[in-house]
N, C-alpha and C. Protein backbone atom coordinates (compact mmCIF):
# COMPACT_ATOMS: atom_id res chain seq x y z
N UNK A 1 131.09 13.56 53.02
CA UNK A 1 131.39 14.99 52.75
C UNK A 1 130.51 15.80 53.68
N UNK A 2 131.08 16.90 54.08
CA UNK A 2 130.35 17.81 54.98
C UNK A 2 129.79 18.96 54.14
N UNK A 3 128.63 19.48 54.66
CA UNK A 3 128.17 20.74 54.04
C UNK A 3 128.95 21.85 54.72
N UNK A 4 129.14 22.92 53.95
CA UNK A 4 129.99 24.03 54.43
C UNK A 4 129.16 25.33 54.39
N UNK A 5 129.15 26.02 55.52
CA UNK A 5 128.51 27.34 55.63
C UNK A 5 129.54 28.37 55.33
N UNK A 6 129.25 29.33 54.48
CA UNK A 6 130.11 30.42 54.07
C UNK A 6 129.39 31.73 54.58
N UNK A 7 130.12 32.45 55.51
CA UNK A 7 129.54 33.65 56.07
C UNK A 7 130.43 34.81 55.72
N UNK A 8 129.90 35.95 55.27
CA UNK A 8 130.71 37.20 55.00
C UNK A 8 130.95 37.85 56.35
N UNK A 9 132.27 37.93 56.72
CA UNK A 9 132.63 38.50 57.96
C UNK A 9 132.94 40.09 57.81
N UNK A 10 133.59 40.42 56.68
CA UNK A 10 134.06 41.77 56.58
C UNK A 10 134.24 42.15 55.08
N UNK A 11 133.94 43.42 54.75
CA UNK A 11 134.15 43.90 53.43
C UNK A 11 135.09 45.15 53.63
N UNK A 12 136.08 45.26 52.79
CA UNK A 12 137.02 46.39 52.85
C UNK A 12 136.93 47.16 51.46
N UNK A 13 137.40 48.34 51.48
CA UNK A 13 137.55 49.10 50.26
C UNK A 13 138.68 50.10 50.45
N UNK A 14 139.58 50.15 49.47
CA UNK A 14 140.72 51.03 49.50
C UNK A 14 140.65 52.01 48.40
N UNK A 15 140.05 53.19 48.69
CA UNK A 15 139.78 54.21 47.66
C UNK A 15 141.02 54.73 47.00
N UNK A 16 142.16 54.86 47.80
CA UNK A 16 143.40 55.37 47.24
C UNK A 16 143.94 54.39 46.14
N UNK A 17 143.82 53.10 46.31
CA UNK A 17 144.16 52.08 45.27
C UNK A 17 143.18 52.13 44.07
N UNK A 18 141.89 52.29 44.38
CA UNK A 18 140.93 52.43 43.34
C UNK A 18 141.25 53.64 42.44
N UNK A 19 141.55 54.81 43.04
CA UNK A 19 141.84 55.97 42.23
C UNK A 19 143.09 55.79 41.42
N UNK A 20 144.03 55.10 41.96
CA UNK A 20 145.33 54.91 41.24
C UNK A 20 145.26 53.91 40.11
N UNK A 21 144.50 52.80 40.36
CA UNK A 21 144.64 51.67 39.46
C UNK A 21 143.32 51.34 38.67
N UNK A 22 142.15 51.71 39.08
CA UNK A 22 141.00 51.37 38.43
C UNK A 22 140.50 52.50 37.45
N UNK A 23 139.92 52.07 36.34
CA UNK A 23 139.45 53.11 35.36
C UNK A 23 138.34 53.90 35.90
N UNK A 24 137.48 53.38 36.79
CA UNK A 24 136.41 54.19 37.41
C UNK A 24 136.78 54.79 38.74
N UNK A 25 138.00 54.50 39.22
CA UNK A 25 138.43 55.13 40.45
C UNK A 25 137.66 54.71 41.70
N UNK A 26 137.54 55.55 42.67
CA UNK A 26 136.88 55.19 43.91
C UNK A 26 135.36 55.24 43.73
N UNK A 27 134.81 55.54 42.59
CA UNK A 27 133.40 55.45 42.41
C UNK A 27 132.87 54.00 42.46
N UNK A 28 133.88 53.06 42.20
CA UNK A 28 133.44 51.61 42.18
C UNK A 28 132.91 51.17 43.53
N UNK A 29 133.46 51.72 44.66
CA UNK A 29 133.11 51.42 45.95
C UNK A 29 133.37 49.93 46.35
N UNK A 30 132.86 49.53 47.54
CA UNK A 30 133.12 48.21 48.06
C UNK A 30 132.26 47.21 47.21
N UNK A 31 132.55 45.96 47.49
CA UNK A 31 131.91 44.87 46.74
C UNK A 31 130.40 45.16 46.67
N UNK A 32 129.81 45.13 45.43
CA UNK A 32 128.43 45.36 45.36
C UNK A 32 127.51 44.07 45.38
N UNK A 33 128.20 42.99 45.54
CA UNK A 33 127.40 41.73 45.51
C UNK A 33 127.16 41.10 46.86
N UNK A 34 128.11 41.21 47.77
CA UNK A 34 127.99 40.56 49.09
C UNK A 34 127.94 41.62 50.16
N UNK A 35 127.23 41.24 51.30
CA UNK A 35 127.14 42.14 52.50
C UNK A 35 127.57 41.42 53.69
N UNK A 36 128.06 42.09 54.59
CA UNK A 36 128.48 41.52 55.91
C UNK A 36 127.27 40.81 56.51
N UNK A 37 127.48 39.56 56.96
CA UNK A 37 126.41 38.78 57.56
C UNK A 37 125.77 37.84 56.59
N UNK A 38 125.90 38.08 55.24
CA UNK A 38 125.36 37.08 54.30
C UNK A 38 125.91 35.69 54.53
N UNK A 39 125.05 34.71 54.35
CA UNK A 39 125.60 33.30 54.50
C UNK A 39 125.06 32.50 53.36
N UNK A 40 125.84 31.56 53.00
CA UNK A 40 125.53 30.56 51.92
C UNK A 40 125.90 29.13 52.40
N UNK A 41 125.24 28.19 51.74
CA UNK A 41 125.46 26.77 52.04
C UNK A 41 126.01 26.07 50.89
N UNK A 42 127.21 25.50 50.96
CA UNK A 42 127.80 24.65 49.92
C UNK A 42 127.39 23.26 50.27
N UNK A 43 126.76 22.53 49.30
CA UNK A 43 126.24 21.23 49.54
C UNK A 43 126.99 20.15 48.76
N UNK A 44 128.07 20.51 48.09
CA UNK A 44 128.89 19.49 47.45
C UNK A 44 129.00 19.81 45.94
N UNK A 45 129.78 18.99 45.22
CA UNK A 45 130.14 19.15 43.86
C UNK A 45 130.85 20.42 43.64
N UNK A 46 130.69 21.00 42.43
CA UNK A 46 131.29 22.31 42.15
C UNK A 46 130.24 23.36 42.09
N UNK A 47 129.08 23.15 42.59
CA UNK A 47 128.03 24.15 42.41
C UNK A 47 128.18 25.26 43.38
N UNK A 48 128.28 26.46 42.77
CA UNK A 48 128.41 27.71 43.55
C UNK A 48 127.03 28.01 44.18
N UNK A 49 127.01 28.34 45.48
CA UNK A 49 125.65 28.73 46.08
C UNK A 49 125.08 29.90 45.39
N UNK A 50 123.75 29.82 45.25
CA UNK A 50 123.00 30.91 44.60
C UNK A 50 123.22 32.18 45.27
N UNK A 51 123.51 33.22 44.48
CA UNK A 51 123.66 34.56 44.91
C UNK A 51 125.13 34.86 45.32
N UNK A 52 126.00 33.95 45.26
CA UNK A 52 127.41 34.13 45.58
C UNK A 52 128.13 34.81 44.46
N UNK A 53 129.17 35.54 44.76
CA UNK A 53 129.97 36.26 43.75
C UNK A 53 130.82 35.24 43.02
N UNK A 54 130.68 35.18 41.68
CA UNK A 54 131.46 34.20 40.86
C UNK A 54 132.95 34.33 41.07
N UNK A 55 133.45 35.58 41.10
CA UNK A 55 134.88 35.83 41.27
C UNK A 55 135.38 35.36 42.59
N UNK A 56 134.68 35.61 43.65
CA UNK A 56 135.03 35.13 44.96
C UNK A 56 134.95 33.64 45.05
N UNK A 57 133.98 33.02 44.43
CA UNK A 57 133.86 31.56 44.36
C UNK A 57 135.12 30.91 43.79
N UNK A 58 135.60 31.50 42.73
CA UNK A 58 136.87 30.92 42.09
C UNK A 58 137.98 31.00 43.16
N UNK A 59 138.06 32.05 43.95
CA UNK A 59 139.11 32.26 44.91
C UNK A 59 139.04 31.40 46.08
N UNK A 60 137.82 31.10 46.60
CA UNK A 60 137.65 30.24 47.86
C UNK A 60 137.27 28.94 47.65
N UNK A 61 137.00 28.48 46.41
CA UNK A 61 136.50 27.09 46.18
C UNK A 61 137.41 25.98 46.72
N UNK A 62 138.67 26.13 46.51
CA UNK A 62 139.58 25.13 47.00
C UNK A 62 139.52 24.99 48.54
N UNK A 63 139.43 26.01 49.29
CA UNK A 63 139.34 25.97 50.70
C UNK A 63 137.97 25.39 51.16
N UNK A 64 136.93 25.77 50.40
CA UNK A 64 135.65 25.26 50.79
C UNK A 64 135.51 23.75 50.54
N UNK A 65 136.12 23.20 49.47
CA UNK A 65 136.02 21.80 49.23
C UNK A 65 136.98 21.03 50.12
N UNK A 66 138.09 21.68 50.60
CA UNK A 66 138.96 21.06 51.56
C UNK A 66 138.26 20.87 52.92
N UNK A 67 137.50 21.92 53.41
CA UNK A 67 136.79 21.83 54.61
C UNK A 67 135.68 20.76 54.51
N UNK A 68 135.03 20.72 53.31
CA UNK A 68 133.99 19.71 53.06
C UNK A 68 134.53 18.31 53.14
N UNK A 69 135.80 18.16 52.78
CA UNK A 69 136.44 16.80 52.79
C UNK A 69 137.07 16.46 54.09
N UNK A 70 137.01 17.41 55.04
CA UNK A 70 137.51 17.18 56.44
C UNK A 70 138.83 17.67 56.77
N UNK A 71 139.36 18.68 55.98
CA UNK A 71 140.59 19.32 56.22
C UNK A 71 140.55 20.03 57.54
N UNK A 72 141.64 20.15 58.21
CA UNK A 72 141.79 20.86 59.50
C UNK A 72 142.87 21.96 59.25
N UNK A 73 142.69 23.06 59.95
CA UNK A 73 143.65 24.13 59.91
C UNK A 73 144.21 24.39 61.39
N UNK A 74 144.14 23.40 62.15
CA UNK A 74 144.68 23.45 63.54
C UNK A 74 146.19 23.34 63.33
N UNK A 75 147.08 23.94 64.11
CA UNK A 75 146.78 24.78 65.27
C UNK A 75 146.64 26.22 64.92
N UNK A 76 146.56 26.59 63.63
CA UNK A 76 146.41 27.99 63.29
C UNK A 76 145.09 28.58 63.65
N UNK A 77 144.07 27.80 63.60
CA UNK A 77 142.73 28.24 64.01
C UNK A 77 142.40 27.60 65.34
N UNK A 78 141.55 28.27 66.16
CA UNK A 78 141.20 27.83 67.45
C UNK A 78 140.02 26.81 67.43
N UNK A 79 139.49 26.43 66.24
CA UNK A 79 138.34 25.59 66.16
C UNK A 79 138.55 24.69 64.97
N UNK A 80 138.23 23.40 65.11
CA UNK A 80 138.27 22.49 63.88
C UNK A 80 137.26 22.84 62.91
N UNK A 81 137.51 22.38 61.63
CA UNK A 81 136.49 22.41 60.59
C UNK A 81 136.16 23.85 60.18
N UNK A 82 137.11 24.76 60.25
CA UNK A 82 136.78 26.16 59.89
C UNK A 82 138.09 26.78 59.35
N UNK A 83 137.86 27.90 58.58
CA UNK A 83 138.93 28.64 58.06
C UNK A 83 138.44 30.09 57.81
N UNK A 84 139.32 31.08 57.93
CA UNK A 84 139.06 32.41 57.52
C UNK A 84 139.77 32.61 56.21
N UNK A 85 139.12 33.09 55.21
CA UNK A 85 139.70 33.23 53.87
C UNK A 85 139.10 34.45 53.14
N UNK A 86 139.75 35.05 52.20
CA UNK A 86 139.21 36.17 51.47
C UNK A 86 139.34 36.00 50.02
N UNK A 87 138.64 36.81 49.30
CA UNK A 87 138.71 36.83 47.84
C UNK A 87 140.01 37.61 47.52
N UNK A 88 140.43 37.54 46.29
CA UNK A 88 141.73 38.11 45.87
C UNK A 88 141.58 39.56 45.27
N UNK A 89 140.44 40.16 45.45
CA UNK A 89 140.28 41.55 45.01
C UNK A 89 141.10 42.50 45.88
N UNK A 90 142.16 42.97 45.43
CA UNK A 90 143.09 43.85 46.25
C UNK A 90 142.57 45.22 46.51
N UNK A 91 141.53 45.67 45.81
CA UNK A 91 141.00 47.00 46.01
C UNK A 91 139.75 46.90 46.90
N UNK A 92 138.95 45.84 46.84
CA UNK A 92 137.79 45.74 47.64
C UNK A 92 137.54 44.28 48.06
N UNK A 93 138.45 43.74 48.93
CA UNK A 93 138.39 42.37 49.37
C UNK A 93 137.23 42.12 50.32
N UNK A 94 136.77 40.87 50.31
CA UNK A 94 135.74 40.39 51.19
C UNK A 94 136.32 39.24 51.97
N UNK A 95 136.09 39.19 53.30
CA UNK A 95 136.66 38.10 54.13
C UNK A 95 135.48 37.24 54.54
N UNK A 96 135.75 35.91 54.49
CA UNK A 96 134.74 34.90 54.74
C UNK A 96 135.16 33.96 55.88
N UNK A 97 134.08 33.47 56.61
CA UNK A 97 134.33 32.39 57.51
C UNK A 97 133.73 31.17 56.77
N UNK A 98 134.52 30.12 56.62
CA UNK A 98 134.05 28.86 56.05
C UNK A 98 134.08 27.84 57.17
N UNK A 99 132.98 27.12 57.37
CA UNK A 99 132.87 26.09 58.50
C UNK A 99 132.00 24.95 58.09
N UNK A 100 132.45 23.79 58.43
CA UNK A 100 131.70 22.55 58.26
C UNK A 100 130.49 22.58 59.19
N UNK A 101 129.32 22.24 58.64
CA UNK A 101 128.09 22.30 59.48
C UNK A 101 127.56 20.86 59.82
N UNK A 102 127.85 19.84 59.08
CA UNK A 102 127.42 18.51 59.36
C UNK A 102 128.02 17.48 58.48
N UNK A 103 127.96 16.16 58.80
CA UNK A 103 128.45 15.08 58.01
C UNK A 103 127.32 14.41 57.24
N UNK A 104 127.47 14.17 55.99
CA UNK A 104 126.48 13.44 55.26
C UNK A 104 126.74 11.89 55.28
N UNK A 105 127.94 11.57 55.64
CA UNK A 105 128.41 10.14 55.60
C UNK A 105 128.08 9.52 56.91
């Protein structure tokens, strides 16, 4: 299994959706847990990296474990052992780069 580095690439916020659909409206703002440039290391099993957003973890876990097991997303991506993925929060999504960083085997 490979270790996987998870890096926050981008945070979005859609205030018009927040005002329309959230009880607190646009005052909720962008994701309060993660910041652009944050990085985390997944070392195996189902253990969420410390400080990571639990909701985003549920969303990206399948892709993280696939990369850890050696999945490839070529030819869609221009590099092996990586994928761009985001959490499913439609009002304030966060986009991640997940990439294998080494082999333990």
